[in-house]
Amino acid sequence: MLGRAILNRPEPAADAPAFDAPWQAEAFALAVALQDAGVFTAVEWAEALGRERGRPGLSPTGEDYYHSLLDALEGLLARKGLADERLLAETAAAWRRAARATPHGRPIALENDPLGHKGG
């Protein structure tokens, strides 16, 4: 059939990992667990993730999908009053500083933040 090969998506290898990094699996599992616990509904989750994935400038290959998932989760929890957006932003900045201050090959720890992030 003409065009069929173009429409068929290649199947991933059977042994291909579902996630590229552990944090992706953790973020996904947290979203599922919070939805299962009734913290938010499937509709609320779909809308939050859809908003994030609809932002301009995202990768057409989806390589930033889990960053969008995490942003959606943080935003949804903040809108529900379960997370402090300011503290989330401060903690993310502290992790970035800690990553820059950590020697290559060493584990990144929040304690490596040169500004001494205290958390909340």
N, C-alpha and C. Protein backbone atom coordinates (compact mmCIF):
# COMPACT_ATOMS: atom_id res chain seq x y z
N MET A 1 0.84 -1.16 0.00
CA MET A 1 0.00 0.00 0.00
C MET A 1 0.90 1.24 0.00
N LEU A 2 0.62 2.16 -0.87
CA LEU A 2 1.42 3.37 -1.00
C LEU A 2 1.38 4.20 0.28
N GLY A 3 2.54 4.58 0.78
CA GLY A 3 2.63 5.42 1.97
C GLY A 3 2.59 4.68 3.29
N ARG A 4 2.31 3.43 3.26
CA ARG A 4 2.18 2.68 4.52
C ARG A 4 3.48 2.67 5.31
N ALA A 5 4.60 2.52 4.64
CA ALA A 5 5.88 2.47 5.35
C ALA A 5 6.16 3.80 6.07
N ILE A 6 5.69 4.89 5.53
CA ILE A 6 5.89 6.19 6.16
C ILE A 6 5.07 6.31 7.43
N LEU A 7 3.90 5.71 7.45
CA LEU A 7 3.02 5.83 8.59
C LEU A 7 3.34 4.85 9.72
N ASN A 8 4.08 3.82 9.42
CA ASN A 8 4.42 2.84 10.45
C ASN A 8 5.56 3.35 11.31
N ARG A 9 5.33 3.38 12.58
CA ARG A 9 6.35 3.81 13.52
C ARG A 9 7.25 2.62 13.84
N PRO A 10 8.56 2.82 13.86
CA PRO A 10 9.44 1.69 14.20
C PRO A 10 9.20 1.25 15.64
N GLU A 11 9.19 -0.03 15.86
CA GLU A 11 9.02 -0.58 17.20
C GLU A 11 10.34 -0.48 17.95
N PRO A 12 10.30 -0.08 19.22
CA PRO A 12 11.54 -0.05 19.99
C PRO A 12 12.02 -1.47 20.24
N ALA A 13 13.30 -1.60 20.43
CA ALA A 13 13.88 -2.91 20.73
C ALA A 13 13.27 -3.43 22.03
N ALA A 14 13.08 -4.73 22.10
CA ALA A 14 12.45 -5.34 23.27
C ALA A 14 13.23 -5.05 24.55
N ASP A 15 14.53 -4.90 24.44
CA ASP A 15 15.34 -4.65 25.63
C ASP A 15 15.66 -3.17 25.82
N ALA A 16 15.01 -2.30 25.05
CA ALA A 16 15.25 -0.86 25.18
C ALA A 16 14.66 -0.36 26.50
N PRO A 17 15.39 0.47 27.22
CA PRO A 17 14.86 0.98 28.49
C PRO A 17 13.68 1.92 28.24
N ALA A 18 12.73 1.91 29.14
CA ALA A 18 11.57 2.80 29.02
C ALA A 18 11.95 4.24 29.35
N PHE A 19 12.99 4.40 30.16
CA PHE A 19 13.42 5.72 30.59
C PHE A 19 14.92 5.85 30.33
N ASP A 20 15.34 7.06 30.02
CA ASP A 20 16.77 7.30 29.77
C ASP A 20 17.56 7.52 31.05
N ALA A 21 16.88 7.91 32.12
CA ALA A 21 17.57 8.20 33.38
C ALA A 21 16.64 7.87 34.54
N PRO A 22 17.18 7.52 35.69
CA PRO A 22 16.35 7.17 36.84
C PRO A 22 15.38 8.28 37.25
N TRP A 23 15.79 9.54 37.15
CA TRP A 23 14.90 10.62 37.57
C TRP A 23 13.63 10.66 36.73
N GLN A 24 13.72 10.24 35.47
CA GLN A 24 12.53 10.22 34.62
C GLN A 24 11.52 9.20 35.14
N ALA A 25 12.01 8.02 35.49
CA ALA A 25 11.13 6.99 36.05
C ALA A 25 10.53 7.44 37.37
N GLU A 26 11.33 8.10 38.19
CA GLU A 26 10.85 8.58 39.48
C GLU A 26 9.77 9.65 39.31
N ALA A 27 9.98 10.58 38.39
CA ALA A 27 8.99 11.64 38.15
C ALA A 27 7.69 11.04 37.63
N PHE A 28 7.80 10.10 36.70
CA PHE A 28 6.61 9.45 36.15
C PHE A 28 5.88 8.68 37.25
N ALA A 29 6.62 7.91 38.04
CA ALA A 29 6.01 7.12 39.12
C ALA A 29 5.33 8.02 40.15
N LEU A 30 5.95 9.14 40.45
CA LEU A 30 5.36 10.08 41.41
C LEU A 30 4.04 10.63 40.87
N ALA A 31 4.02 11.01 39.60
CA ALA A 31 2.79 11.52 38.99
C ALA A 31 1.68 10.46 39.04
N VAL A 32 2.02 9.23 38.71
CA VAL A 32 1.03 8.14 38.75
C VAL A 32 0.53 7.92 40.17
N ALA A 33 1.45 7.88 41.13
CA ALA A 33 1.08 7.64 42.53
C ALA A 33 0.19 8.76 43.07
N LEU A 34 0.51 10.00 42.74
CA LEU A 34 -0.31 11.12 43.21
C LEU A 34 -1.70 11.10 42.59
N GLN A 35 -1.77 10.74 41.32
CA GLN A 35 -3.08 10.61 40.68
C GLN A 35 -3.86 9.47 41.31
N ASP A 36 -3.21 8.33 41.51
CA ASP A 36 -3.88 7.18 42.14
C ASP A 36 -4.37 7.51 43.55
N ALA A 37 -3.64 8.37 44.25
CA ALA A 37 -4.00 8.75 45.61
C ALA A 37 -5.10 9.82 45.64
N GLY A 38 -5.50 10.31 44.47
CA GLY A 38 -6.56 11.30 44.41
C GLY A 38 -6.12 12.73 44.62
N VAL A 39 -4.82 12.97 44.56
CA VAL A 39 -4.31 14.33 44.72
C VAL A 39 -4.77 15.20 43.56
N PHE A 40 -4.81 14.61 42.37
CA PHE A 40 -5.36 15.27 41.20
C PHE A 40 -5.99 14.21 40.32
N THR A 41 -6.88 14.66 39.44
CA THR A 41 -7.58 13.72 38.55
C THR A 41 -6.79 13.50 37.27
N ALA A 42 -7.20 12.49 36.53
CA ALA A 42 -6.57 12.22 35.23
C ALA A 42 -6.77 13.41 34.30
N VAL A 43 -7.92 14.04 34.37
CA VAL A 43 -8.19 15.21 33.51
C VAL A 43 -7.28 16.37 33.90
N GLU A 44 -7.14 16.63 35.20
CA GLU A 44 -6.23 17.70 35.64
C GLU A 44 -4.81 17.42 35.18
N TRP A 45 -4.38 16.16 35.30
CA TRP A 45 -3.02 15.80 34.89
C TRP A 45 -2.85 15.98 33.39
N ALA A 46 -3.82 15.50 32.62
CA ALA A 46 -3.72 15.62 31.16
C ALA A 46 -3.67 17.09 30.74
N GLU A 47 -4.48 17.93 31.38
CA GLU A 47 -4.47 19.35 31.05
C GLU A 47 -3.13 20.00 31.41
N ALA A 48 -2.61 19.68 32.59
CA ALA A 48 -1.33 20.26 33.03
C ALA A 48 -0.20 19.83 32.10
N LEU A 49 -0.14 18.55 31.78
CA LEU A 49 0.92 18.07 30.90
C LEU A 49 0.74 18.62 29.48
N GLY A 50 -0.50 18.70 29.03
CA GLY A 50 -0.78 19.27 27.71
C GLY A 50 -0.33 20.71 27.60
N ARG A 51 -0.57 21.49 28.67
CA ARG A 51 -0.11 22.89 28.68
C ARG A 51 1.40 22.96 28.54
N GLU A 52 2.10 22.13 29.30
CA GLU A 52 3.57 22.15 29.24
C GLU A 52 4.07 21.70 27.87
N ARG A 53 3.48 20.66 27.32
CA ARG A 53 3.93 20.15 26.02
C ARG A 53 3.54 21.09 24.89
N GLY A 54 2.59 22.00 25.14
CA GLY A 54 2.18 22.95 24.12
C GLY A 54 3.01 24.22 24.09
N ARG A 55 3.95 24.33 25.00
CA ARG A 55 4.79 25.54 25.04
C ARG A 55 5.68 25.60 23.79
N PRO A 56 5.91 26.80 23.28
CA PRO A 56 6.78 26.93 22.11
C PRO A 56 8.23 26.58 22.46
N GLY A 57 8.95 26.12 21.47
CA GLY A 57 10.38 25.87 21.62
C GLY A 57 10.74 24.47 22.10
N LEU A 58 9.76 23.60 22.26
CA LEU A 58 10.08 22.24 22.69
C LEU A 58 10.64 21.43 21.53
N SER A 59 11.40 20.43 21.87
CA SER A 59 12.02 19.57 20.86
C SER A 59 10.96 18.79 20.09
N PRO A 60 11.04 18.78 18.76
CA PRO A 60 10.08 17.99 17.97
C PRO A 60 10.28 16.49 18.15
N THR A 61 11.43 16.09 18.68
CA THR A 61 11.69 14.66 18.89
C THR A 61 11.19 14.18 20.25
N GLY A 62 10.76 15.09 21.10
CA GLY A 62 10.24 14.71 22.41
C GLY A 62 11.30 14.43 23.44
N GLU A 63 12.55 14.78 23.14
CA GLU A 63 13.63 14.48 24.09
C GLU A 63 13.48 15.25 25.40
N ASP A 64 12.66 16.30 25.40
CA ASP A 64 12.45 17.08 26.62
C ASP A 64 11.13 16.72 27.30
N TYR A 65 10.53 15.60 26.90
CA TYR A 65 9.23 15.19 27.44
C TYR A 65 9.23 15.13 28.97
N TYR A 66 10.24 14.50 29.55
CA TYR A 66 10.23 14.32 31.00
C TYR A 66 10.51 15.62 31.75
N HIS A 67 11.17 16.58 31.10
CA HIS A 67 11.29 17.91 31.70
C HIS A 67 9.91 18.55 31.74
N SER A 68 9.14 18.38 30.66
CA SER A 68 7.77 18.90 30.64
C SER A 68 6.92 18.21 31.69
N LEU A 69 7.09 16.90 31.84
CA LEU A 69 6.33 16.15 32.84
C LEU A 69 6.62 16.70 34.24
N LEU A 70 7.88 16.93 34.53
CA LEU A 70 8.25 17.45 35.84
C LEU A 70 7.71 18.87 36.04
N ASP A 71 7.81 19.71 35.02
CA ASP A 71 7.26 21.07 35.11
C ASP A 71 5.75 21.03 35.34
N ALA A 72 5.06 20.13 34.64
CA ALA A 72 3.61 20.00 34.80
C ALA A 72 3.27 19.55 36.22
N LEU A 73 4.01 18.60 36.73
CA LEU A 73 3.76 18.09 38.08
C LEU A 73 3.99 19.18 39.12
N GLU A 74 5.10 19.90 39.00
CA GLU A 74 5.39 20.98 39.95
C GLU A 74 4.32 22.06 39.88
N GLY A 75 3.93 22.44 38.67
CA GLY A 75 2.91 23.48 38.52
C GLY A 75 1.57 23.06 39.08
N LEU A 76 1.18 21.82 38.83
CA LEU A 76 -0.10 21.32 39.32
C LEU A 76 -0.11 21.28 40.85
N LEU A 77 0.97 20.81 41.43
CA LEU A 77 1.05 20.76 42.90
C LEU A 77 1.06 22.16 43.50
N ALA A 78 1.71 23.10 42.83
CA ALA A 78 1.71 24.49 43.31
C ALA A 78 0.30 25.09 43.22
N ARG A 79 -0.40 24.85 42.12
CA ARG A 79 -1.76 25.38 41.97
C ARG A 79 -2.70 24.81 43.02
N LYS A 80 -2.44 23.60 43.47
CA LYS A 80 -3.27 22.97 44.50
C LYS A 80 -2.80 23.35 45.91
N GLY A 81 -1.76 24.17 46.01
CA GLY A 81 -1.27 24.60 47.30
C GLY A 81 -0.45 23.55 48.03
N LEU A 82 0.03 22.55 47.30
CA LEU A 82 0.80 21.47 47.90
C LEU A 82 2.30 21.63 47.73
N ALA A 83 2.70 22.63 46.97
CA ALA A 83 4.13 22.91 46.76
C ALA A 83 4.29 24.42 46.66
N ASP A 84 5.39 24.91 47.11
CA ASP A 84 5.69 26.33 47.09
C ASP A 84 6.54 26.63 45.86
N GLU A 85 5.98 27.39 44.91
CA GLU A 85 6.69 27.67 43.66
C GLU A 85 8.03 28.37 43.90
N ARG A 86 8.08 29.29 44.84
CA ARG A 86 9.32 29.99 45.14
C ARG A 86 10.37 29.02 45.65
N LEU A 87 9.98 28.14 46.56
CA LEU A 87 10.92 27.16 47.10
C LEU A 87 11.38 26.18 46.02
N LEU A 88 10.45 25.77 45.14
CA LEU A 88 10.84 24.89 44.03
C LEU A 88 11.89 25.56 43.15
N ALA A 89 11.66 26.84 42.81
CA ALA A 89 12.60 27.56 41.96
C ALA A 89 13.95 27.74 42.66
N GLU A 90 13.92 28.07 43.94
CA GLU A 90 15.17 28.25 44.69
C GLU A 90 15.94 26.93 44.78
N THR A 91 15.23 25.84 45.01
CA THR A 91 15.89 24.54 45.12
C THR A 91 16.47 24.11 43.79
N ALA A 92 15.74 24.34 42.70
CA ALA A 92 16.26 24.01 41.37
C ALA A 92 17.53 24.81 41.08
N ALA A 93 17.52 26.09 41.44
CA ALA A 93 18.71 26.92 41.23
C ALA A 93 19.88 26.42 42.08
N ALA A 94 19.59 25.99 43.31
CA ALA A 94 20.64 25.46 44.18
C ALA A 94 21.24 24.19 43.59
N TRP A 95 20.40 23.33 43.03
CA TRP A 95 20.93 22.10 42.40
C TRP A 95 21.81 22.44 41.20
N ARG A 96 21.41 23.45 40.42
CA ARG A 96 22.25 23.85 39.28
C ARG A 96 23.60 24.38 39.75
N ARG A 97 23.58 25.21 40.80
CA ARG A 97 24.85 25.72 41.35
C ARG A 97 25.70 24.57 41.89
N ALA A 98 25.06 23.64 42.58
CA ALA A 98 25.79 22.49 43.13
C ALA A 98 26.39 21.66 42.01
N ALA A 99 25.66 21.50 40.92
CA ALA A 99 26.19 20.72 39.79
C ALA A 99 27.41 21.40 39.19
N ARG A 100 27.35 22.72 39.05
CA ARG A 100 28.50 23.45 38.50
C ARG A 100 29.70 23.40 39.44
N ALA A 101 29.45 23.33 40.75
CA ALA A 101 30.53 23.35 41.74
C ALA A 101 31.10 21.96 42.03
N THR A 102 30.46 20.92 41.52
CA THR A 102 30.91 19.55 41.80
C THR A 102 31.94 19.12 40.77
N PRO A 103 33.09 18.62 41.21
CA PRO A 103 34.10 18.13 40.26
C PRO A 103 33.54 17.00 39.40
N HIS A 104 34.00 16.97 38.17
CA HIS A 104 33.57 15.93 37.23
C HIS A 104 33.81 14.54 37.83
N GLY A 105 32.82 13.68 37.67
CA GLY A 105 32.95 12.31 38.15
C GLY A 105 32.54 12.11 39.59
N ARG A 106 32.23 13.19 40.28
CA ARG A 106 31.81 13.09 41.68
C ARG A 106 30.29 13.20 41.76
N PRO A 107 29.67 12.59 42.75
CA PRO A 107 28.21 12.71 42.89
C PRO A 107 27.81 14.16 43.20
N ILE A 108 26.75 14.60 42.58
CA ILE A 108 26.24 15.94 42.85
C ILE A 108 25.40 15.87 44.12
N ALA A 109 25.71 16.75 45.05
CA ALA A 109 24.96 16.82 46.31
C ALA A 109 24.58 18.27 46.55
N LEU A 110 23.40 18.47 47.09
CA LEU A 110 22.93 19.83 47.36
C LEU A 110 23.87 20.57 48.30
N GLU A 111 24.58 19.82 49.12
CA GLU A 111 25.55 20.43 50.04
C GLU A 111 26.69 21.12 49.27
N ASN A 112 26.85 20.81 48.00
CA ASN A 112 27.90 21.43 47.18
C ASN A 112 27.50 22.82 46.68
N ASP A 113 26.28 23.24 46.95
CA ASP A 113 25.84 24.58 46.54
C ASP A 113 26.70 25.61 47.25
N PRO A 114 27.47 26.40 46.50
CA PRO A 114 28.35 27.38 47.14
C PRO A 114 27.60 28.45 47.95
N LEU A 115 26.31 28.63 47.66
CA LEU A 115 25.53 29.62 48.42
C LEU A 115 24.86 29.00 49.65
N GLY A 116 25.05 27.70 49.84
CA GLY A 116 24.53 27.04 51.04
C GLY A 116 23.03 27.00 51.14
N HIS A 117 22.36 26.50 50.10
CA HIS A 117 20.90 26.39 50.09
C HIS A 117 20.41 25.68 51.35
N LYS A 118 19.43 26.26 52.01
CA LYS A 118 18.92 25.71 53.26
C LYS A 118 17.67 24.86 53.07
N GLY A 119 16.98 25.03 51.96
CA GLY A 119 15.75 24.25 51.76
C GLY A 119 14.61 24.81 52.59
N GLY A 120 13.52 24.02 52.63
CA GLY A 120 12.36 24.54 53.35
C GLY A 120 11.60 23.53 54.05
